Full PDB file with SEQRES, HELIX, SHEET, SSBOND, CRYST1, ORIGX, SCALE, CONECT and MASTER records, all heavy atoms in Angstrom:
SEQRES   1 A   34  TYR LYS GLU ASN MET ARG GLU GLU LEU ILE ASN GLU TYR          
SEQRES   2 A   34  GLU GLU TRP THR ASN GLU LEU GLU GLU ARG GLU SER LYS          
SEQRES   3 A   34  VAL GLU GLU ARG GLU LYS LYS LEU                              
HELIX    1 AA1 LYS A    2  LYS A   33  1                                  32    
CRYST1    1.000    1.000    1.000  90.00  90.00  90.00 P 1           1          
ORIGX1      1.000000  0.000000  0.000000        0.00000                         
ORIGX2      0.000000  1.000000  0.000000        0.00000                         
ORIGX3      0.000000  0.000000  1.000000        0.00000                         
SCALE1      1.000000  0.000000  0.000000        0.00000                         
SCALE2      0.000000  1.000000  0.000000        0.00000                         
SCALE3      0.000000  0.000000  1.000000        0.00000                         
ATOM      1  N   TYR A   1      83.883   6.234  18.851  1.00  0.00           N  
ATOM      2  CA  TYR A   1      83.476   4.964  19.443  1.00  0.00           C  
ATOM      3  C   TYR A   1      82.427   4.248  18.590  1.00  0.00           C  
ATOM      4  O   TYR A   1      82.369   3.022  18.558  1.00  0.00           O  
ATOM      5  CB  TYR A   1      82.970   5.162  20.879  1.00  0.00           C  
ATOM      6  CG  TYR A   1      81.564   5.664  21.006  1.00  0.00           C  
ATOM      7  CD1 TYR A   1      80.528   4.783  21.262  1.00  0.00           C  
ATOM      8  CD2 TYR A   1      81.270   7.005  20.875  1.00  0.00           C  
ATOM      9  CE1 TYR A   1      79.232   5.244  21.375  1.00  0.00           C  
ATOM     10  CE2 TYR A   1      79.985   7.467  20.992  1.00  0.00           C  
ATOM     11  CZ  TYR A   1      78.961   6.588  21.239  1.00  0.00           C  
ATOM     12  OH  TYR A   1      77.686   7.030  21.360  1.00  0.00           O  
ATOM     13  N   LYS A   2      81.607   4.993  17.836  1.00  0.00           N  
ATOM     14  CA  LYS A   2      80.600   4.347  16.982  1.00  0.00           C  
ATOM     15  C   LYS A   2      81.281   3.547  15.880  1.00  0.00           C  
ATOM     16  O   LYS A   2      80.871   2.422  15.557  1.00  0.00           O  
ATOM     17  CB  LYS A   2      79.666   5.407  16.384  1.00  0.00           C  
ATOM     18  CG  LYS A   2      78.702   5.984  17.384  1.00  0.00           C  
ATOM     19  CD  LYS A   2      77.743   6.948  16.725  1.00  0.00           C  
ATOM     20  CE  LYS A   2      76.773   7.493  17.746  1.00  0.00           C  
ATOM     21  NZ  LYS A   2      75.849   8.482  17.167  1.00  0.00           N  
ATOM     22  N   GLU A   3      82.316   4.154  15.344  1.00  0.00           N  
ATOM     23  CA  GLU A   3      83.084   3.462  14.287  1.00  0.00           C  
ATOM     24  C   GLU A   3      83.706   2.189  14.844  1.00  0.00           C  
ATOM     25  O   GLU A   3      83.663   1.128  14.207  1.00  0.00           O  
ATOM     26  CB  GLU A   3      84.174   4.419  13.772  1.00  0.00           C  
ATOM     27  CG  GLU A   3      84.918   3.945  12.552  1.00  0.00           C  
ATOM     28  CD  GLU A   3      84.055   4.056  11.314  1.00  0.00           C  
ATOM     29  OE1 GLU A   3      83.200   4.954  11.245  1.00  0.00           O  
ATOM     30  OE2 GLU A   3      84.249   3.228  10.423  1.00  0.00           O  
ATOM     31  N   ASN A   4      84.278   2.292  16.045  1.00  0.00           N  
ATOM     32  CA  ASN A   4      84.882   1.115  16.683  1.00  0.00           C  
ATOM     33  C   ASN A   4      83.844   0.030  16.941  1.00  0.00           C  
ATOM     34  O   ASN A   4      84.110  -1.158  16.741  1.00  0.00           O  
ATOM     35  CB  ASN A   4      85.541   1.504  17.999  1.00  0.00           C  
ATOM     36  CG  ASN A   4      86.758   2.377  17.802  1.00  0.00           C  
ATOM     37  OD1 ASN A   4      87.296   2.447  16.702  1.00  0.00           O  
ATOM     38  ND2 ASN A   4      87.174   3.068  18.851  1.00  0.00           N  
ATOM     39  N   MET A   5      82.661   0.436  17.394  1.00  0.00           N  
ATOM     40  CA  MET A   5      81.596  -0.544  17.650  1.00  0.00           C  
ATOM     41  C   MET A   5      81.189  -1.244  16.352  1.00  0.00           C  
ATOM     42  O   MET A   5      81.002  -2.469  16.319  1.00  0.00           O  
ATOM     43  CB  MET A   5      80.369   0.142  18.271  1.00  0.00           C  
ATOM     44  CG  MET A   5      80.531   0.467  19.734  1.00  0.00           C  
ATOM     45  SD  MET A   5      79.112   1.339  20.412  1.00  0.00           S  
ATOM     46  CE  MET A   5      77.847   0.099  20.342  1.00  0.00           C  
ATOM     47  N   ARG A   6      81.074  -0.494  15.269  1.00  0.00           N  
ATOM     48  CA  ARG A   6      80.697  -1.065  13.971  1.00  0.00           C  
ATOM     49  C   ARG A   6      81.737  -2.084  13.521  1.00  0.00           C  
ATOM     50  O   ARG A   6      81.402  -3.190  13.077  1.00  0.00           O  
ATOM     51  CB  ARG A   6      80.555   0.080  12.962  1.00  0.00           C  
ATOM     52  CG  ARG A   6      79.711  -0.269  11.772  1.00  0.00           C  
ATOM     53  CD  ARG A   6      79.415   0.910  10.855  1.00  0.00           C  
ATOM     54  NE  ARG A   6      78.546   1.873  11.499  1.00  0.00           N  
ATOM     55  CZ  ARG A   6      78.848   3.157  11.676  1.00  0.00           C  
ATOM     56  NH1 ARG A   6      80.010   3.624  11.272  1.00  0.00           N  
ATOM     57  NH2 ARG A   6      78.024   3.976  12.259  1.00  0.00           N  
ATOM     58  N   GLU A   7      83.014  -1.702  13.668  1.00  0.00           N  
ATOM     59  CA  GLU A   7      84.091  -2.617  13.269  1.00  0.00           C  
ATOM     60  C   GLU A   7      84.065  -3.895  14.108  1.00  0.00           C  
ATOM     61  O   GLU A   7      84.253  -4.999  13.585  1.00  0.00           O  
ATOM     62  CB  GLU A   7      85.448  -1.923  13.402  1.00  0.00           C  
ATOM     63  CG  GLU A   7      85.719  -0.915  12.313  1.00  0.00           C  
ATOM     64  CD  GLU A   7      87.054  -0.226  12.482  1.00  0.00           C  
ATOM     65  OE1 GLU A   7      87.943  -0.758  13.187  1.00  0.00           O  
ATOM     66  OE2 GLU A   7      87.200   0.874  11.920  1.00  0.00           O  
ATOM     67  N   GLU A   8      83.824  -3.742  15.394  1.00  0.00           N  
ATOM     68  CA  GLU A   8      83.759  -4.923  16.259  1.00  0.00           C  
ATOM     69  C   GLU A   8      82.616  -5.838  15.847  1.00  0.00           C  
ATOM     70  O   GLU A   8      82.763  -7.059  15.813  1.00  0.00           O  
ATOM     71  CB  GLU A   8      83.574  -4.499  17.726  1.00  0.00           C  
ATOM     72  CG  GLU A   8      84.846  -4.052  18.382  1.00  0.00           C  
ATOM     73  CD  GLU A   8      84.643  -3.695  19.848  1.00  0.00           C  
ATOM     74  OE1 GLU A   8      83.603  -4.060  20.421  1.00  0.00           O  
ATOM     75  OE2 GLU A   8      85.522  -3.045  20.407  1.00  0.00           O  
ATOM     76  N   LEU A   9      81.458  -5.244  15.553  1.00  0.00           N  
ATOM     77  CA  LEU A   9      80.308  -6.046  15.116  1.00  0.00           C  
ATOM     78  C   LEU A   9      80.610  -6.781  13.811  1.00  0.00           C  
ATOM     79  O   LEU A   9      80.289  -7.970  13.656  1.00  0.00           O  
ATOM     80  CB  LEU A   9      79.073  -5.158  14.943  1.00  0.00           C  
ATOM     81  CG  LEU A   9      78.355  -4.762  16.213  1.00  0.00           C  
ATOM     82  CD1 LEU A   9      77.287  -3.720  15.919  1.00  0.00           C  
ATOM     83  CD2 LEU A   9      77.705  -5.974  16.880  1.00  0.00           C  
ATOM     84  N   ILE A  10      81.232  -6.067  12.868  1.00  0.00           N  
ATOM     85  CA  ILE A  10      81.575  -6.687  11.583  1.00  0.00           C  
ATOM     86  C   ILE A  10      82.559  -7.827  11.795  1.00  0.00           C  
ATOM     87  O   ILE A  10      82.410  -8.925  11.228  1.00  0.00           O  
ATOM     88  CB  ILE A  10      82.147  -5.623  10.613  1.00  0.00           C  
ATOM     89  CG1 ILE A  10      81.032  -4.664  10.194  1.00  0.00           C  
ATOM     90  CG2 ILE A  10      82.806  -6.269   9.403  1.00  0.00           C  
ATOM     91  CD1 ILE A  10      81.514  -3.441   9.444  1.00  0.00           C  
ATOM     92  N   ASN A  11      83.571  -7.581  12.652  1.00  0.00           N  
ATOM     93  CA  ASN A  11      84.558  -8.634  12.944  1.00  0.00           C  
ATOM     94  C   ASN A  11      83.902  -9.852  13.581  1.00  0.00           C  
ATOM     95  O   ASN A  11      84.205 -10.997  13.228  1.00  0.00           O  
ATOM     96  CB  ASN A  11      85.668  -8.096  13.851  1.00  0.00           C  
ATOM     97  CG  ASN A  11      86.567  -7.119  13.136  1.00  0.00           C  
ATOM     98  OD1 ASN A  11      86.603  -7.077  11.900  1.00  0.00           O  
ATOM     99  ND2 ASN A  11      87.281  -6.305  13.891  1.00  0.00           N  
ATOM    100  N   GLU A  12      82.995  -9.606  14.538  1.00  0.00           N  
ATOM    101  CA  GLU A  12      82.301 -10.723  15.182  1.00  0.00           C  
ATOM    102  C   GLU A  12      81.456 -11.489  14.167  1.00  0.00           C  
ATOM    103  O   GLU A  12      81.413 -12.722  14.192  1.00  0.00           O  
ATOM    104  CB  GLU A  12      81.396 -10.202  16.322  1.00  0.00           C  
ATOM    105  CG  GLU A  12      82.148  -9.848  17.572  1.00  0.00           C  
ATOM    106  CD  GLU A  12      81.224  -9.335  18.667  1.00  0.00           C  
ATOM    107  OE1 GLU A  12      80.018  -9.646  18.633  1.00  0.00           O  
ATOM    108  OE2 GLU A  12      81.723  -8.622  19.552  1.00  0.00           O  
ATOM    109  N   TYR A  13      80.786 -10.738  13.278  1.00  0.00           N  
ATOM    110  CA  TYR A  13      79.952 -11.390  12.260  1.00  0.00           C  
ATOM    111  C   TYR A  13      80.813 -12.240  11.332  1.00  0.00           C  
ATOM    112  O   TYR A  13      80.466 -13.377  10.985  1.00  0.00           O  
ATOM    113  CB  TYR A  13      79.184 -10.323  11.474  1.00  0.00           C  
ATOM    114  CG  TYR A  13      78.326 -10.903  10.390  1.00  0.00           C  
ATOM    115  CD1 TYR A  13      77.140 -11.563  10.701  1.00  0.00           C  
ATOM    116  CD2 TYR A  13      78.709 -10.798   9.052  1.00  0.00           C  
ATOM    117  CE1 TYR A  13      76.359 -12.113   9.702  1.00  0.00           C  
ATOM    118  CE2 TYR A  13      77.931 -11.337   8.050  1.00  0.00           C  
ATOM    119  CZ  TYR A  13      76.750 -12.001   8.378  1.00  0.00           C  
ATOM    120  OH  TYR A  13      75.986 -12.539   7.396  1.00  0.00           O  
ATOM    121  N   GLU A  14      81.965 -11.705  10.916  1.00  0.00           N  
ATOM    122  CA  GLU A  14      82.864 -12.448  10.034  1.00  0.00           C  
ATOM    123  C   GLU A  14      83.367 -13.716  10.718  1.00  0.00           C  
ATOM    124  O   GLU A  14      83.422 -14.788  10.104  1.00  0.00           O  
ATOM    125  CB  GLU A  14      84.043 -11.565   9.615  1.00  0.00           C  
ATOM    126  CG  GLU A  14      83.673 -10.533   8.582  1.00  0.00           C  
ATOM    127  CD  GLU A  14      84.837  -9.630   8.227  1.00  0.00           C  
ATOM    128  OE1 GLU A  14      85.931  -9.767   8.831  1.00  0.00           O  
ATOM    129  OE2 GLU A  14      84.653  -8.763   7.372  1.00  0.00           O  
ATOM    130  N   GLU A  15      83.746 -13.590  11.999  1.00  0.00           N  
ATOM    131  CA  GLU A  15      84.201 -14.778  12.736  1.00  0.00           C  
ATOM    132  C   GLU A  15      83.092 -15.814  12.815  1.00  0.00           C  
ATOM    133  O   GLU A  15      83.325 -17.010  12.636  1.00  0.00           O  
ATOM    134  CB  GLU A  15      84.635 -14.374  14.158  1.00  0.00           C  
ATOM    135  CG  GLU A  15      85.961 -13.665  14.213  1.00  0.00           C  
ATOM    136  CD  GLU A  15      86.317 -13.228  15.634  1.00  0.00           C  
ATOM    137  OE1 GLU A  15      85.713 -13.756  16.595  1.00  0.00           O  
ATOM    138  OE2 GLU A  15      87.179 -12.348  15.773  1.00  0.00           O  
ATOM    139  N   TRP A  16      81.881 -15.327  13.056  1.00  0.00           N  
ATOM    140  CA  TRP A  16      80.745 -16.248  13.170  1.00  0.00           C  
ATOM    141  C   TRP A  16      80.467 -16.959  11.845  1.00  0.00           C  
ATOM    142  O   TRP A  16      80.261 -18.164  11.803  1.00  0.00           O  
ATOM    143  CB  TRP A  16      79.531 -15.425  13.612  1.00  0.00           C  
ATOM    144  CG  TRP A  16      78.291 -16.236  13.804  1.00  0.00           C  
ATOM    145  CD1 TRP A  16      78.045 -17.144  14.769  1.00  0.00           C  
ATOM    146  CD2 TRP A  16      77.126 -16.178  12.995  1.00  0.00           C  
ATOM    147  NE1 TRP A  16      76.803 -17.670  14.636  1.00  0.00           N  
ATOM    148  CE2 TRP A  16      76.203 -17.080  13.533  1.00  0.00           C  
ATOM    149  CE3 TRP A  16      76.760 -15.432  11.867  1.00  0.00           C  
ATOM    150  CZ2 TRP A  16      74.940 -17.292  12.985  1.00  0.00           C  
ATOM    151  CZ3 TRP A  16      75.518 -15.644  11.333  1.00  0.00           C  
ATOM    152  CH2 TRP A  16      74.616 -16.552  11.884  1.00  0.00           C  
ATOM    153  N   THR A  17      80.516 -16.191  10.733  1.00  0.00           N  
ATOM    154  CA  THR A  17      80.296 -16.819   9.405  1.00  0.00           C  
ATOM    155  C   THR A  17      81.418 -17.788   9.077  1.00  0.00           C  
ATOM    156  O   THR A  17      81.171 -18.864   8.509  1.00  0.00           O  
ATOM    157  CB  THR A  17      80.190 -15.744   8.299  1.00  0.00           C  
ATOM    158  OG1 THR A  17      81.288 -14.862   8.374  1.00  0.00           O  
ATOM    159  CG2 THR A  17      78.895 -14.983   8.406  1.00  0.00           C  
ATOM    160  N   ASN A  18      82.657 -17.446   9.442  1.00  0.00           N  
ATOM    161  CA  ASN A  18      83.771 -18.365   9.205  1.00  0.00           C  
ATOM    162  C   ASN A  18      83.586 -19.663   9.975  1.00  0.00           C  
ATOM    163  O   ASN A  18      83.823 -20.756   9.443  1.00  0.00           O  
ATOM    164  CB  ASN A  18      85.104 -17.721   9.599  1.00  0.00           C  
ATOM    165  CG  ASN A  18      85.526 -16.648   8.623  1.00  0.00           C  
ATOM    166  OD1 ASN A  18      85.070 -16.628   7.475  1.00  0.00           O  
ATOM    167  ND2 ASN A  18      86.392 -15.746   9.075  1.00  0.00           N  
ATOM    168  N   GLU A  19      83.176 -19.533  11.250  1.00  0.00           N  
ATOM    169  CA  GLU A  19      82.928 -20.728  12.064  1.00  0.00           C  
ATOM    170  C   GLU A  19      81.825 -21.578  11.443  1.00  0.00           C  
ATOM    171  O   GLU A  19      81.924 -22.811  11.393  1.00  0.00           O  
ATOM    172  CB  GLU A  19      82.526 -20.339  13.492  1.00  0.00           C  
ATOM    173  CG  GLU A  19      83.690 -19.925  14.353  1.00  0.00           C  
ATOM    174  CD  GLU A  19      83.234 -19.516  15.754  1.00  0.00           C  
ATOM    175  OE1 GLU A  19      82.124 -19.909  16.171  1.00  0.00           O  
ATOM    176  OE2 GLU A  19      83.984 -18.779  16.424  1.00  0.00           O  
ATOM    177  N   LEU A  20      80.763 -20.921  10.957  1.00  0.00           N  
ATOM    178  CA  LEU A  20      79.654 -21.650  10.329  1.00  0.00           C  
ATOM    179  C   LEU A  20      80.123 -22.391   9.081  1.00  0.00           C  
ATOM    180  O   LEU A  20      79.772 -23.559   8.850  1.00  0.00           O  
ATOM    181  CB  LEU A  20      78.538 -20.682   9.951  1.00  0.00           C  
ATOM    182  CG  LEU A  20      77.480 -20.405  11.004  1.00  0.00           C  
ATOM    183  CD1 LEU A  20      76.479 -19.388  10.495  1.00  0.00           C  
ATOM    184  CD2 LEU A  20      76.747 -21.656  11.415  1.00  0.00           C  
ATOM    185  N   GLU A  21      80.911 -21.693   8.266  1.00  0.00           N  
ATOM    186  CA  GLU A  21      81.417 -22.321   7.040  1.00  0.00           C  
ATOM    187  C   GLU A  21      82.286 -23.524   7.365  1.00  0.00           C  
ATOM    188  O   GLU A  21      82.201 -24.563   6.714  1.00  0.00           O  
ATOM    189  CB  GLU A  21      82.195 -21.300   6.203  1.00  0.00           C  
ATOM    190  CG  GLU A  21      81.303 -20.299   5.506  1.00  0.00           C  
ATOM    191  CD  GLU A  21      82.083 -19.211   4.813  1.00  0.00           C  
ATOM    192  OE1 GLU A  21      83.342 -19.236   4.834  1.00  0.00           O  
ATOM    193  OE2 GLU A  21      81.442 -18.293   4.278  1.00  0.00           O  
ATOM    194  N   GLU A  22      83.135 -23.361   8.400  1.00  0.00           N  
ATOM    195  CA  GLU A  22      83.980 -24.492   8.804  1.00  0.00           C  
ATOM    196  C   GLU A  22      83.136 -25.670   9.258  1.00  0.00           C  
ATOM    197  O   GLU A  22      83.394 -26.822   8.887  1.00  0.00           O  
ATOM    198  CB  GLU A  22      84.921 -24.061   9.941  1.00  0.00           C  
ATOM    199  CG  GLU A  22      86.092 -23.243   9.476  1.00  0.00           C  
ATOM    200  CD  GLU A  22      86.983 -22.815  10.653  1.00  0.00           C  
ATOM    201  OE1 GLU A  22      86.978 -23.499  11.704  1.00  0.00           O  
ATOM    202  OE2 GLU A  22      87.662 -21.803  10.515  1.00  0.00           O  
ATOM    203  N   ARG A  23      82.123 -25.400  10.048  1.00  0.00           N  
ATOM    204  CA  ARG A  23      81.246 -26.477  10.525  1.00  0.00           C  
ATOM    205  C   ARG A  23      80.508 -27.135   9.366  1.00  0.00           C  
ATOM    206  O   ARG A  23      80.379 -28.364   9.314  1.00  0.00           O  
ATOM    207  CB  ARG A  23      80.233 -25.920  11.536  1.00  0.00           C  
ATOM    208  CG  ARG A  23      80.846 -25.623  12.880  1.00  0.00           C  
ATOM    209  CD  ARG A  23      79.809 -25.138  13.847  1.00  0.00           C  
ATOM    210  NE  ARG A  23      80.393 -24.758  15.117  1.00  0.00           N  
ATOM    211  CZ  ARG A  23      79.753 -24.186  16.095  1.00  0.00           C  
ATOM    212  NH1 ARG A  23      78.473 -23.905  15.963  1.00  0.00           N  
ATOM    213  NH2 ARG A  23      80.373 -23.871  17.209  1.00  0.00           N  
ATOM    214  N   GLU A  24      80.034 -26.300   8.434  1.00  0.00           N  
ATOM    215  CA  GLU A  24      79.332 -26.858   7.277  1.00  0.00           C  
ATOM    216  C   GLU A  24      80.254 -27.760   6.460  1.00  0.00           C  
ATOM    217  O   GLU A  24      79.856 -28.830   6.000  1.00  0.00           O  
ATOM    218  CB  GLU A  24      78.782 -25.734   6.396  1.00  0.00           C  
ATOM    219  CG  GLU A  24      77.533 -25.107   6.951  1.00  0.00           C  
ATOM    220  CD  GLU A  24      77.036 -23.944   6.091  1.00  0.00           C  
ATOM    221  OE1 GLU A  24      77.653 -23.644   5.045  1.00  0.00           O  
ATOM    222  OE2 GLU A  24      76.042 -23.334   6.491  1.00  0.00           O  
ATOM    223  N   SER A  25      81.477 -27.285   6.281  1.00  0.00           N  
ATOM    224  CA  SER A  25      82.424 -28.095   5.497  1.00  0.00           C  
ATOM    225  C   SER A  25      82.739 -29.404   6.209  1.00  0.00           C  
ATOM    226  O   SER A  25      82.836 -30.471   5.576  1.00  0.00           O  
ATOM    227  CB  SER A  25      83.691 -27.320   5.203  1.00  0.00           C  
ATOM    228  OG  SER A  25      84.382 -27.031   6.390  1.00  0.00           O  
ATOM    229  N   LYS A  26      82.853 -29.370   7.535  1.00  0.00           N  
ATOM    230  CA  LYS A  26      83.097 -30.599   8.298  1.00  0.00           C  
ATOM    231  C   LYS A  26      81.911 -31.547   8.192  1.00  0.00           C  
ATOM    232  O   LYS A  26      82.079 -32.753   8.037  1.00  0.00           O  
ATOM    233  CB  LYS A  26      83.375 -30.268   9.758  1.00  0.00           C  
ATOM    234  CG  LYS A  26      84.750 -29.699  10.004  1.00  0.00           C  
ATOM    235  CD  LYS A  26      84.981 -29.416  11.481  1.00  0.00           C  
ATOM    236  CE  LYS A  26      86.355 -28.808  11.711  1.00  0.00           C  
ATOM    237  NZ  LYS A  26      86.579 -28.437  13.110  1.00  0.00           N  
ATOM    238  N   VAL A  27      80.728 -30.972   8.264  1.00  0.00           N  
ATOM    239  CA  VAL A  27      79.512 -31.798   8.137  1.00  0.00           C  
ATOM    240  C   VAL A  27      79.458 -32.428   6.749  1.00  0.00           C  
ATOM    241  O   VAL A  27      79.140 -33.614   6.596  1.00  0.00           O  
ATOM    242  CB  VAL A  27      78.252 -30.948   8.432  1.00  0.00           C  
ATOM    243  CG1 VAL A  27      76.988 -31.670   8.038  1.00  0.00           C  
ATOM    244  CG2 VAL A  27      78.196 -30.570   9.902  1.00  0.00           C  
ATOM    245  N   GLU A  28      79.767 -31.659   5.709  1.00  0.00           N  
ATOM    246  CA  GLU A  28      79.753 -32.175   4.343  1.00  0.00           C  
ATOM    247  C   GLU A  28      80.780 -33.296   4.177  1.00  0.00           C  
ATOM    248  O   GLU A  28      80.526 -34.315   3.513  1.00  0.00           O  
ATOM    249  CB  GLU A  28      80.030 -31.049   3.354  1.00  0.00           C  
ATOM    250  CG  GLU A  28      78.849 -30.140   3.143  1.00  0.00           C  
ATOM    251  CD  GLU A  28      79.165 -28.977   2.215  1.00  0.00           C  
ATOM    252  OE1 GLU A  28      80.277 -28.923   1.642  1.00  0.00           O  
ATOM    253  OE2 GLU A  28      78.305 -28.094   2.110  1.00  0.00           O  
ATOM    254  N   GLU A  29      81.956 -33.107   4.769  1.00  0.00           N  
ATOM    255  CA  GLU A  29      83.001 -34.134   4.685  1.00  0.00           C  
ATOM    256  C   GLU A  29      82.533 -35.434   5.332  1.00  0.00           C  
ATOM    257  O   GLU A  29      82.729 -36.523   4.800  1.00  0.00           O  
ATOM    258  CB  GLU A  29      84.286 -33.642   5.376  1.00  0.00           C  
ATOM    259  CG  GLU A  29      85.089 -32.684   4.558  1.00  0.00           C  
ATOM    260  CD  GLU A  29      86.330 -32.183   5.310  1.00  0.00           C  
ATOM    261  OE1 GLU A  29      86.823 -32.882   6.220  1.00  0.00           O  
ATOM    262  OE2 GLU A  29      86.779 -31.079   4.992  1.00  0.00           O  
ATOM    263  N   ARG A  30      81.896 -35.309   6.482  1.00  0.00           N  
ATOM    264  CA  ARG A  30      81.394 -36.510   7.176  1.00  0.00           C  
ATOM    265  C   ARG A  30      80.320 -37.207   6.340  1.00  0.00           C  
ATOM    266  O   ARG A  30      80.294 -38.429   6.265  1.00  0.00           O  
ATOM    267  CB  ARG A  30      80.821 -36.130   8.536  1.00  0.00           C  
ATOM    268  CG  ARG A  30      81.872 -35.897   9.564  1.00  0.00           C  
ATOM    269  CD  ARG A  30      81.250 -35.692  10.927  1.00  0.00           C  
ATOM    270  NE  ARG A  30      82.239 -35.306  11.913  1.00  0.00           N  
ATOM    271  CZ  ARG A  30      81.989 -34.833  13.080  1.00  0.00           C  
ATOM    272  NH1 ARG A  30      80.744 -34.648  13.474  1.00  0.00           N  
ATOM    273  NH2 ARG A  30      82.961 -34.528  13.909  1.00  0.00           N  
ATOM    274  N   GLU A  31      79.444 -36.381   5.740  1.00  0.00           N  
ATOM    275  CA  GLU A  31      78.399 -36.976   4.905  1.00  0.00           C  
ATOM    276  C   GLU A  31      79.002 -37.739   3.732  1.00  0.00           C  
ATOM    277  O   GLU A  31      78.557 -38.836   3.365  1.00  0.00           O  
ATOM    278  CB  GLU A  31      77.442 -35.887   4.397  1.00  0.00           C  
ATOM    279  CG  GLU A  31      76.493 -35.388   5.464  1.00  0.00           C  
ATOM    280  CD  GLU A  31      75.594 -34.267   4.962  1.00  0.00           C  
ATOM    281  OE1 GLU A  31      75.745 -33.809   3.807  1.00  0.00           O  
ATOM    282  OE2 GLU A  31      74.748 -33.827   5.753  1.00  0.00           O  
ATOM    283  N   LYS A  32      80.032 -37.122   3.127  1.00  0.00           N  
ATOM    284  CA  LYS A  32      80.700 -37.792   1.996  1.00  0.00           C  
ATOM    285  C   LYS A  32      81.345 -39.097   2.434  1.00  0.00           C  
ATOM    286  O   LYS A  32      81.284 -40.109   1.743  1.00  0.00           O  
ATOM    287  CB  LYS A  32      81.760 -36.863   1.384  1.00  0.00           C  
ATOM    288  CG  LYS A  32      81.166 -35.773   0.539  1.00  0.00           C  
ATOM    289  CD  LYS A  32      82.271 -34.915  -0.045  1.00  0.00           C  
ATOM    290  CE  LYS A  32      81.671 -33.768  -0.844  1.00  0.00           C  
ATOM    291  NZ  LYS A  32      82.677 -32.874  -1.384  1.00  0.00           N  
ATOM    292  N   LYS A  33      81.982 -39.072   3.621  1.00  0.00           N  
ATOM    293  CA  LYS A  33      82.617 -40.283   4.149  1.00  0.00           C  
ATOM    294  C   LYS A  33      81.579 -41.358   4.393  1.00  0.00           C  
ATOM    295  O   LYS A  33      81.787 -42.530   4.064  1.00  0.00           O  
ATOM    296  CB  LYS A  33      83.369 -39.989   5.442  1.00  0.00           C  
ATOM    297  CG  LYS A  33      84.708 -39.371   5.253  1.00  0.00           C  
ATOM    298  CD  LYS A  33      85.404 -39.223   6.592  1.00  0.00           C  
ATOM    299  CE  LYS A  33      86.737 -38.534   6.452  1.00  0.00           C  
ATOM    300  NZ  LYS A  33      87.415 -38.353   7.717  1.00  0.00           N  
ATOM    301  N   LEU A  34      80.462 -40.951   4.923  1.00  0.00           N  
ATOM    302  CA  LEU A  34      79.388 -41.912   5.218  1.00  0.00           C  
ATOM    303  C   LEU A  34      78.830 -42.518   3.925  1.00  0.00           C  
ATOM    304  O   LEU A  34      78.570 -43.702   3.828  1.00  0.00           O  
ATOM    305  CB  LEU A  34      78.254 -41.232   6.011  1.00  0.00           C  
ATOM    306  CG  LEU A  34      78.512 -41.002   7.479  1.00  0.00           C  
ATOM    307  CD1 LEU A  34      77.375 -40.179   8.092  1.00  0.00           C  
ATOM    308  CD2 LEU A  34      78.620 -42.318   8.250  1.00  0.00           C  
TER     309      LEU A  34                                                      
MASTER        0    0    0    1    0    0    0    6  308    1    0    3          
END                                                                             
C-alpha cells in the first residue's frame, strides 16, 4: 500500500503540474494576443 500511495501522489503531482503548465500557456497566449 505504501508503493500505491507513492504512485498516487506522483500521479496527482504530475496532473497538477500539467494543469499549471496548461494555464501558464493559456495566460501567455492571451498576453501575446493583447
